[in-house]
N, C-alpha and C. Protein backbone atom coordinates (compact mmCIF):
# COMPACT_ATOMS: atom_id res chain seq x y z
N UNK A 1 0.63 -1.21 -0.19
CA UNK A 1 -0.07 -0.39 0.04
C UNK A 1 0.73 1.64 -0.02
N UNK A 2 0.53 2.01 -0.79
CA UNK A 2 0.94 3.34 -0.94
C UNK A 2 0.73 4.35 0.06
N UNK A 3 1.61 5.18 0.82
CA UNK A 3 1.11 6.05 1.70
C UNK A 3 2.00 7.49 1.66
N UNK A 4 1.01 8.59 1.65
CA UNK A 4 2.02 9.72 1.78
C UNK A 4 2.48 9.87 2.84
N UNK A 5 3.79 10.74 2.91
CA UNK A 5 4.51 10.83 4.44
C UNK A 5 4.33 12.19 5.17
N UNK A 6 4.10 13.03 4.37
CA UNK A 6 3.43 14.46 4.94
C UNK A 6 1.87 14.47 4.79
N UNK A 7 1.32 15.48 6.27
CA UNK A 7 -0.08 15.95 5.92
C UNK A 7 -0.23 17.47 5.44
N UNK A 8 -1.00 17.16 4.06
CA UNK A 8 -0.76 18.46 3.79
C UNK A 8 -2.27 18.48 4.46
N UNK A 9 -2.21 19.72 5.28
CA UNK A 9 -3.80 20.43 5.69
C UNK A 9 -4.97 20.61 4.26
N UNK A 10 -4.10 21.99 3.24
CA UNK A 10 -4.85 22.14 2.29
C UNK A 10 -5.69 21.11 1.10
N UNK A 11 -4.62 19.82 1.23
CA UNK A 11 -5.64 18.58 0.63
C UNK A 11 -6.71 18.37 1.98
N UNK A 12 -6.06 18.51 3.13
CA UNK A 12 -7.11 17.44 4.08
C UNK A 12 -8.38 18.63 4.02
N UNK A 13 -8.36 20.09 3.76
CA UNK A 13 -9.49 20.76 4.15
C UNK A 13 -10.23 20.71 2.63
N UNK A 14 -9.68 20.37 1.19
CA UNK A 14 -10.32 20.57 0.36
C UNK A 14 -11.26 19.29 0.28
N UNK A 15 -10.81 18.05 1.27
CA UNK A 15 -11.80 16.85 0.89
C UNK A 15 -12.58 16.77 2.29
N UNK A 16 -12.81 17.61 3.31
CA UNK A 16 -13.75 17.49 4.30
C UNK A 16 -14.70 18.23 3.53
N UNK A 17 -15.92 17.16 4.57
CA UNK A 17 -17.57 18.05 4.39
C UNK A 17 -17.72 18.65 5.52
N UNK A 18 -18.98 19.94 6.08
CA UNK A 18 -18.77 20.11 7.16
C UNK A 18 -20.82 19.26 7.09
N UNK A 19 -20.95 19.56 8.69
CA UNK A 19 -22.36 19.77 9.13
C UNK A 19 -23.15 20.38 9.41
N UNK A 20 -24.60 20.62 9.60
CA UNK A 20 -24.61 21.87 10.49
C UNK A 20 -24.74 23.13 10.86
N UNK A 21 -24.32 23.62 11.58
CA UNK A 21 -23.77 24.73 11.23
C UNK A 21 -22.73 25.05 11.07
N UNK A 22 -21.60 24.51 10.99
CA UNK A 22 -20.35 23.82 10.12
C UNK A 22 -20.45 24.75 8.97
N UNK A 23 -19.37 25.38 8.46
CA UNK A 23 -18.92 25.29 6.97
C UNK A 23 -17.19 26.46 6.65
N UNK A 24 -16.49 26.15 5.75
CA UNK A 24 -15.40 26.41 5.89
C UNK A 24 -15.26 27.40 6.43
N UNK A 25 -15.87 28.35 6.44
CA UNK A 25 -16.16 30.24 7.45
C UNK A 25 -16.35 29.99 8.09
N UNK A 26 -16.69 29.07 8.74
CA UNK A 26 -17.01 29.09 10.73
C UNK A 26 -15.93 29.52 11.74
N UNK A 27 -15.88 30.09 12.53
CA UNK A 27 -14.86 30.57 13.10
C UNK A 27 -14.79 29.43 14.41
N UNK A 28 -14.88 28.51 14.32
CA UNK A 28 -14.69 27.36 14.99
C UNK A 28 -13.70 26.70 13.73
N UNK A 29 -14.36 26.34 12.53
CA UNK A 29 -13.53 25.69 11.97
C UNK A 29 -11.89 26.19 11.23
N UNK A 30 -12.58 27.71 11.56
CA UNK A 30 -10.95 28.47 11.18
C UNK A 30 -10.22 28.21 11.92
N UNK A 31 -10.80 28.23 13.17
CA UNK A 31 -9.28 27.85 14.71
C UNK A 31 -9.12 26.52 14.43
N UNK A 32 -9.63 25.54 13.77
CA UNK A 32 -9.38 23.79 14.18
C UNK A 32 -8.26 23.60 12.64
N UNK A 33 -8.61 24.72 11.64
CA UNK A 33 -7.81 24.47 10.68
C UNK A 33 -6.08 24.85 11.37
N UNK A 34 -6.41 26.32 11.44
CA UNK A 34 -5.07 27.10 11.99
C UNK A 34 -4.49 26.19 13.24
N UNK A 35 -4.86 25.36 14.25
CA UNK A 35 -4.23 24.68 14.59
C UNK A 35 -3.73 23.31 14.20
N UNK A 36 -4.01 22.90 13.72
CA UNK A 36 -3.92 21.54 12.98
C UNK A 36 -2.81 21.99 11.89
N UNK A 37 -3.01 23.51 11.22
CA UNK A 37 -1.43 24.12 10.59
C UNK A 37 -0.10 23.82 11.61
N UNK A 38 -0.28 24.06 12.47
CA UNK A 38 0.53 25.17 13.64
C UNK A 38 1.57 23.42 14.34
N UNK A 39 0.78 22.54 14.12
CA UNK A 39 1.04 21.17 15.12
C UNK A 39 2.21 20.64 14.40
N UNK A 40 3.73 19.98 14.77
CA UNK A 40 4.46 19.54 13.87
C UNK A 40 3.64 18.17 13.43
N UNK A 41 4.54 17.75 12.63
CA UNK A 41 4.18 16.42 11.38
C UNK A 41 3.35 15.43 12.71
N UNK A 42 4.22 15.41 13.88
CA UNK A 42 3.87 13.99 14.47
C UNK A 42 2.98 14.13 15.15
N UNK A 43 2.29 15.65 15.44
CA UNK A 43 0.83 15.45 16.78
C UNK A 43 -0.35 15.66 15.33
N UNK A 44 0.27 15.93 14.03
CA UNK A 44 -1.21 15.83 12.97
C UNK A 44 -1.22 14.30 12.57
N UNK A 45 -0.21 13.64 12.62
CA UNK A 45 -0.32 11.90 12.34
C UNK A 45 -1.15 11.15 13.45
N UNK A 46 -0.91 11.82 15.32
CA UNK A 46 -1.43 11.24 16.42
C UNK A 46 -2.70 11.57 15.74
N UNK A 47 -3.26 13.05 15.55
CA UNK A 47 -4.57 13.83 15.21
C UNK A 47 -5.73 12.71 14.04
N UNK A 48 -4.45 12.29 13.04
CA UNK A 48 -5.20 11.50 12.02
C UNK A 48 -5.89 10.77 12.48
N UNK A 49 -4.78 9.59 12.93
CA UNK A 49 -5.16 8.38 13.48
C UNK A 49 -6.35 8.40 14.60
N UNK A 50 -6.50 9.38 15.71
CA UNK A 50 -7.59 10.13 16.16
C UNK A 50 -8.86 9.75 15.47
N UNK A 51 -8.91 10.63 14.34
CA UNK A 51 -9.95 10.53 13.74
C UNK A 51 -10.15 9.64 12.71
N UNK A 52 -9.48 9.06 12.09
CA UNK A 52 -9.42 7.90 11.00
C UNK A 52 -9.28 6.67 11.13
N UNK A 53 -8.50 6.46 12.37
CA UNK A 53 -8.31 4.87 12.97
C UNK A 53 -6.54 4.80 12.19
N UNK A 54 -6.01 5.93 11.32
CA UNK A 54 -4.97 5.99 10.51
C UNK A 54 -3.84 6.77 10.59
N UNK A 55 -2.38 6.69 10.97
CA UNK A 55 -1.54 7.96 11.16
C UNK A 55 -1.13 8.55 9.48
N UNK A 56 -1.52 7.55 8.79
CA UNK A 56 -0.82 8.26 7.17
C UNK A 56 -2.11 8.53 6.13
N UNK A 57 -1.81 9.01 5.53
CA UNK A 57 -3.04 9.80 4.46
C UNK A 57 -2.74 8.77 2.80
N UNK A 58 -3.83 8.22 2.85
CA UNK A 58 -3.12 7.47 1.50
C UNK A 58 -2.73 8.15 -0.31
N UNK A 59 -2.12 7.08 -1.30
CA UNK A 59 -0.88 7.43 -1.98
C UNK A 59 -2.30 8.63 -2.55
N UNK A 60 -3.43 8.96 -2.42
CA UNK A 60 -4.22 9.81 -3.38
C UNK A 60 -4.14 10.49 -3.07
N UNK A 61 -3.94 10.82 -1.44
CA UNK A 61 -4.44 12.10 -0.59
C UNK A 61 -5.40 12.13 -0.21
N UNK A 62 -6.05 13.05 0.54
CA UNK A 62 -7.04 12.78 1.09
C UNK A 62 -8.39 11.98 0.08
N UNK A 63 -7.88 12.71 -0.90
CA UNK A 63 -8.92 11.72 -1.90
C UNK A 63 -9.58 10.55 -1.79
N UNK A 64 -8.24 10.09 -1.36
CA UNK A 64 -8.49 8.89 -1.17
C UNK A 64 -8.86 7.94 0.09
N UNK A 65 -9.24 8.99 1.02
CA UNK A 65 -9.69 8.24 2.55
C UNK A 65 -11.33 7.44 2.46
N UNK A 66 -10.88 5.77 2.90
CA UNK A 66 -11.50 5.33 3.13
C UNK A 66 -12.54 4.97 4.01
N UNK A 67 -13.73 5.16 4.35
CA UNK A 67 -14.22 4.46 5.48
C UNK A 67 -14.03 3.22 5.52
N UNK A 68 -14.59 2.52 6.73
CA UNK A 68 -13.94 1.12 7.17
C UNK A 68 -15.03 0.18 6.66
N UNK A 69 -15.94 0.22 5.15
CA UNK A 69 -16.46 -0.24 4.51
C UNK A 69 -15.70 -0.08 3.10
N UNK A 70 -14.44 0.45 3.23
CA UNK A 70 -13.81 -0.01 1.55
C UNK A 70 -14.19 1.24 0.92
N UNK A 71 -15.19 1.61 0.86
CA UNK A 71 -15.75 2.81 0.14
C UNK A 71 -14.65 4.69 0.30
N UNK A 72 -14.86 5.30 -0.12
CA UNK A 72 -14.46 6.58 -0.27
C UNK A 72 -15.18 7.68 -0.17
N UNK A 73 -14.30 7.88 1.30
CA UNK A 73 -14.99 8.97 2.79
C UNK A 73 -14.58 10.01 2.94
N UNK A 74 -14.94 11.12 2.40
CA UNK A 74 -14.37 12.70 2.39
C UNK A 74 -14.42 12.16 4.26
N UNK A 75 -13.86 13.75 4.49
CA UNK A 75 -13.53 13.69 6.27
C UNK A 75 -14.31 14.58 6.26
N UNK A 76 -15.16 14.14 7.54
CA UNK A 76 -16.72 14.94 8.23
C UNK A 76 -16.30 15.93 9.21
N UNK A 77 -16.72 16.29 9.03
CA UNK A 77 -16.58 17.49 10.72
C UNK A 77 -18.44 18.11 11.31
N UNK A 78 -18.67 17.85 12.05
CA UNK A 78 -19.97 17.86 12.72
C UNK A 78 -19.79 18.55 14.16
N UNK A 79 -21.10 19.60 14.21
CA UNK A 79 -21.22 20.08 15.19
C UNK A 79 -21.56 19.46 16.68
N UNK A 80 -20.72 20.20 17.54
CA UNK A 80 -21.28 19.22 18.92
C UNK A 80 -21.56 20.24 19.68
N UNK A 81 -22.55 20.73 21.18
CA UNK A 81 -22.73 21.37 21.77
C UNK A 81 -21.16 21.62 22.90
N UNK A 82 -21.17 23.09 22.97
CA UNK A 82 -19.57 23.32 23.35
C UNK A 82 -20.58 23.63 25.46
N UNK A 83 -20.28 22.65 26.72
CA UNK A 83 -21.23 22.80 27.91
C UNK A 83 -19.76 23.30 29.05
N UNK A 84 -19.23 25.03 28.84
CA UNK A 84 -18.36 25.62 29.68
C UNK A 84 -18.79 24.40 30.69
N UNK A 85 -20.05 24.05 31.61
CA UNK A 85 -19.88 23.62 32.76
C UNK A 85 -19.37 21.74 32.98
N UNK A 86 -19.17 21.40 31.80
CA UNK A 86 -19.10 19.87 31.56
C UNK A 86 -17.93 19.69 31.04
N UNK A 87 -17.41 19.02 30.72
CA UNK A 87 -16.06 18.32 30.04
C UNK A 87 -16.79 18.40 28.43
N UNK A 88 -16.78 18.90 27.64
CA UNK A 88 -17.14 18.79 26.08
C UNK A 88 -15.93 18.70 24.93
N UNK A 89 -14.89 17.39 24.73
CA UNK A 89 -14.51 16.74 24.39
C UNK A 89 -14.59 16.81 22.60
N UNK A 90 -13.75 16.92 21.84
CA UNK A 90 -13.93 16.83 20.77
C UNK A 90 -14.19 15.04 20.78
N UNK A 91 -15.12 14.21 19.23
CA UNK A 91 -15.36 13.11 19.24
C UNK A 91 -14.89 12.62 18.21
N UNK A 92 -14.81 11.84 18.27
CA UNK A 92 -14.17 10.90 16.97
C UNK A 92 -14.92 9.50 16.15
N UNK A 93 -15.30 9.69 14.86
CA UNK A 93 -16.23 8.19 14.82
C UNK A 93 -14.85 7.86 13.37
N UNK A 94 -14.11 6.86 14.02
CA UNK A 94 -13.30 6.21 13.06
C UNK A 94 -13.36 5.54 11.70
N UNK A 95 -14.98 4.81 12.27
CA UNK A 95 -15.18 3.83 11.29
C UNK A 95 -15.89 4.80 9.38
N UNK A 96 -15.88 6.35 10.00
CA UNK A 96 -16.90 7.21 9.02
C UNK A 96 -15.80 8.75 8.74
N UNK A 97 -14.28 8.67 9.48
CA UNK A 97 -13.72 9.72 9.76
C UNK A 97 -14.62 10.90 9.34
N UNK A 98 -14.71 10.80 10.75
CA UNK A 98 -15.76 11.99 11.03
C UNK A 98 -15.36 12.25 12.37
N UNK A 99 -15.31 13.90 13.06
CA UNK A 99 -15.49 13.95 14.44
C UNK A 99 -16.46 14.72 14.86
N UNK A 100 -17.02 15.22 15.71
CA UNK A 100 -17.72 15.98 16.64
C UNK A 100 -16.99 17.05 17.34
N UNK A 101 -16.89 18.12 16.48
CA UNK A 101 -16.68 19.43 17.02
C UNK A 101 -16.82 20.01 18.12
N UNK A 102 -17.09 20.12 19.56
CA UNK A 102 -17.47 21.30 20.34
C UNK A 102 -17.63 22.74 19.84
N UNK A 103 -18.05 23.51 19.51
CA UNK A 103 -18.42 25.18 19.37
C UNK A 103 -17.54 25.40 19.98
N UNK A 104 -16.15 25.85 20.22
CA UNK A 104 -15.13 26.17 21.69
C UNK A 104 -15.72 27.66 21.58
N UNK A 105 -15.22 28.50 22.33
CA UNK A 105 -15.51 29.60 22.80
C UNK A 105 -14.53 30.46 22.48
N UNK A 106 -13.18 29.75 22.31
CA UNK A 106 -11.97 30.51 21.57
C UNK A 106 -11.01 29.97 21.28
N UNK A 107 -10.30 30.48 20.55
CA UNK A 107 -9.12 29.21 19.51
C UNK A 107 -8.30 28.24 21.51
N UNK A 108 -7.88 29.17 22.47
CA UNK A 108 -6.84 28.51 22.78
C UNK A 108 -7.94 27.35 23.87
N UNK A 109 -9.17 27.45 24.17
CA UNK A 109 -9.72 26.60 24.74
C UNK A 109 -10.01 25.29 24.12
N UNK A 110 -10.07 25.71 22.42
CA UNK A 110 -10.05 24.55 21.22
C UNK A 110 -8.73 23.61 21.84
N UNK A 111 -7.74 24.54 21.90
CA UNK A 111 -6.40 24.04 21.73
C UNK A 111 -6.17 23.09 22.89
N UNK A 112 -6.54 23.45 24.08
CA UNK A 112 -6.64 22.76 25.67
C UNK A 112 -6.78 21.74 25.46
N UNK A 113 -8.54 21.86 24.75
CA UNK A 113 -9.48 20.56 24.77
C UNK A 113 -8.95 19.25 23.93
N UNK A 114 -7.93 19.94 22.79
CA UNK A 114 -7.62 18.81 21.49
C UNK A 114 -6.27 18.06 21.90
N UNK A 115 -5.52 19.34 23.07
CA UNK A 115 -4.05 18.89 23.54
C UNK A 115 -4.28 17.13 24.34
N UNK A 116 -5.36 18.06 25.44
CA UNK A 116 -5.64 16.83 26.51
C UNK A 116 -6.62 15.27 25.41
N UNK A 117 -7.32 15.34 24.99
CA UNK A 117 -7.55 14.59 24.11
C UNK A 117 -6.54 13.38 23.38
N UNK A 118 -5.68 14.14 22.84
CA UNK A 118 -5.09 13.21 22.02
C UNK A 118 -4.00 12.79 23.01
N UNK A 119 -3.51 12.84 24.23
CA UNK A 119 -2.48 12.67 25.23
C UNK A 119 -3.14 11.81 26.23
N UNK A 120 -4.20 11.46 26.06
CA UNK A 120 -4.82 10.48 26.86
C UNK A 120 -5.30 9.20 26.55
N UNK A 121 -4.31 8.33 26.48
CA UNK A 121 -4.57 6.81 26.09
C UNK A 121 -6.30 6.22 25.87
N UNK A 122 -7.20 6.56 26.35
CA UNK A 122 -8.08 6.29 26.64
C UNK A 122 -8.85 6.06 25.24
N UNK A 123 -8.31 7.33 24.40
CA UNK A 123 -8.84 8.26 23.04
C UNK A 123 -8.56 6.37 21.97
N UNK A 124 -7.32 5.74 22.56
CA UNK A 124 -6.75 5.34 21.36
C UNK A 124 -7.02 3.64 21.74
N UNK A 125 -8.10 3.02 22.49
CA UNK A 125 -8.33 1.68 22.73
C UNK A 125 -7.81 1.15 22.35
N UNK A 126 -7.25 0.17 22.88
CA UNK A 126 -6.23 -0.72 22.06
C UNK A 126 -7.74 -2.50 21.75
N UNK A 127 -7.42 -3.53 21.24
CA UNK A 127 -8.34 -4.20 20.79
C UNK A 127 -7.48 -5.37 20.71
N UNK A 128 -7.70 -6.45 20.88
CA UNK A 128 -6.81 -7.68 20.73
C UNK A 128 -6.76 -8.17 19.29
N UNK A 129 -5.78 -8.38 18.31
CA UNK A 129 -5.92 -9.09 17.08
C UNK A 129 -6.41 -10.36 16.84
N UNK A 130 -6.78 -11.43 18.29
CA UNK A 130 -7.50 -12.55 18.14
C UNK A 130 -8.69 -12.71 17.88
N UNK A 131 -9.62 -11.46 17.70
CA UNK A 131 -10.74 -10.87 17.15
C UNK A 131 -10.59 -10.80 15.37
N UNK A 132 -9.54 -11.16 14.85
CA UNK A 132 -9.47 -10.49 13.76
C UNK A 132 -10.11 -11.33 12.67
N UNK A 133 -10.77 -11.07 11.97
CA UNK A 133 -10.84 -12.21 10.49
C UNK A 133 -10.33 -11.98 9.71
N UNK A 134 -9.95 -12.72 8.41
CA UNK A 134 -9.11 -13.00 7.09
C UNK A 134 -9.17 -11.86 6.45
N UNK A 135 -8.47 -10.97 5.95
CA UNK A 135 -8.41 -9.21 5.33
C UNK A 135 -8.90 -8.21 6.14
N UNK A 136 -9.45 -8.28 7.67
CA UNK A 136 -9.63 -7.15 8.52
C UNK A 136 -9.06 -6.62 8.89
N UNK A 137 -9.02 -5.17 8.91
CA UNK A 137 -8.22 -4.15 8.96
C UNK A 137 -8.73 -4.29 11.19
N UNK A 138 -7.43 -3.51 11.58
CA UNK A 138 -7.70 -2.92 13.08
C UNK A 138 -8.54 -2.06 12.98
N UNK A 139 -8.75 -1.23 12.34
CA UNK A 139 -10.21 -0.49 12.46
C UNK A 139 -11.38 -1.08 11.84
N UNK A 140 -11.27 -1.84 10.85
CA UNK A 140 -12.52 -2.73 10.94
C UNK A 140 -13.04 -3.71 12.00
N UNK A 141 -12.30 -3.89 12.87
CA UNK A 141 -12.90 -4.61 13.92
C UNK A 141 -13.09 -4.00 14.85
N UNK A 142 -12.35 -3.07 15.13
CA UNK A 142 -12.89 -2.61 15.95
C UNK A 142 -14.29 -1.82 15.54
N UNK A 143 -14.83 -0.99 14.28
CA UNK A 143 -15.97 -0.98 13.99
C UNK A 143 -17.38 -2.11 14.14
N UNK A 144 -16.95 -3.12 13.83
CA UNK A 144 -17.60 -4.50 13.76
C UNK A 144 -17.91 -4.55 15.53
N UNK A 145 -16.67 -4.80 16.37
CA UNK A 145 -17.14 -4.54 17.72
C UNK A 145 -17.95 -3.84 18.66
N UNK A 146 -18.13 -2.68 17.79
CA UNK A 146 -18.90 -1.59 18.30
C UNK A 146 -20.01 -1.46 17.92
N UNK A 147 -20.07 -2.03 16.49
CA UNK A 147 -21.72 -2.54 16.05
C UNK A 147 -22.20 -3.35 16.66
N UNK A 148 -21.29 -4.85 17.08
CA UNK A 148 -21.61 -5.67 17.68
C UNK A 148 -22.31 -5.89 19.04
N UNK A 149 -21.84 -4.69 19.85
CA UNK A 149 -22.16 -4.57 21.56
C UNK A 149 -23.59 -3.73 21.34
N UNK A 150 -24.20 -2.60 20.26
CA UNK A 150 -25.66 -2.34 19.71
C UNK A 150 -26.87 -3.28 20.07
């Protein structure tokens, strides 16, 4: 499998869909991309893994991003309510290349939240490979196990 070594934020932006109140010019989305642009490469890889299940970009770039069923699937950003009285963390749906991004009140709050999320080992659940089926990736396994719990 061919992969790209560097994460191109402009390519990522170009292959992202926004849901609800979010659009490319929404202030929270502008802060989000600014934060990713400022991250060193290794942190971008960690965020990519958190949000898609893989640290690497396909050879075709983000245009080649696939969901757990193997279909081309753009990256999605969905709004989530930010509640300052509760811990409002970003949520990832790796099976679908989607994140729920809280409507943070400012850049610094978003930065601290994402840094805290990515430094938490619980965000990257480990799954035993003994459950893998033939030709099944780790990401496929995680999605299958989550669906079986429902």
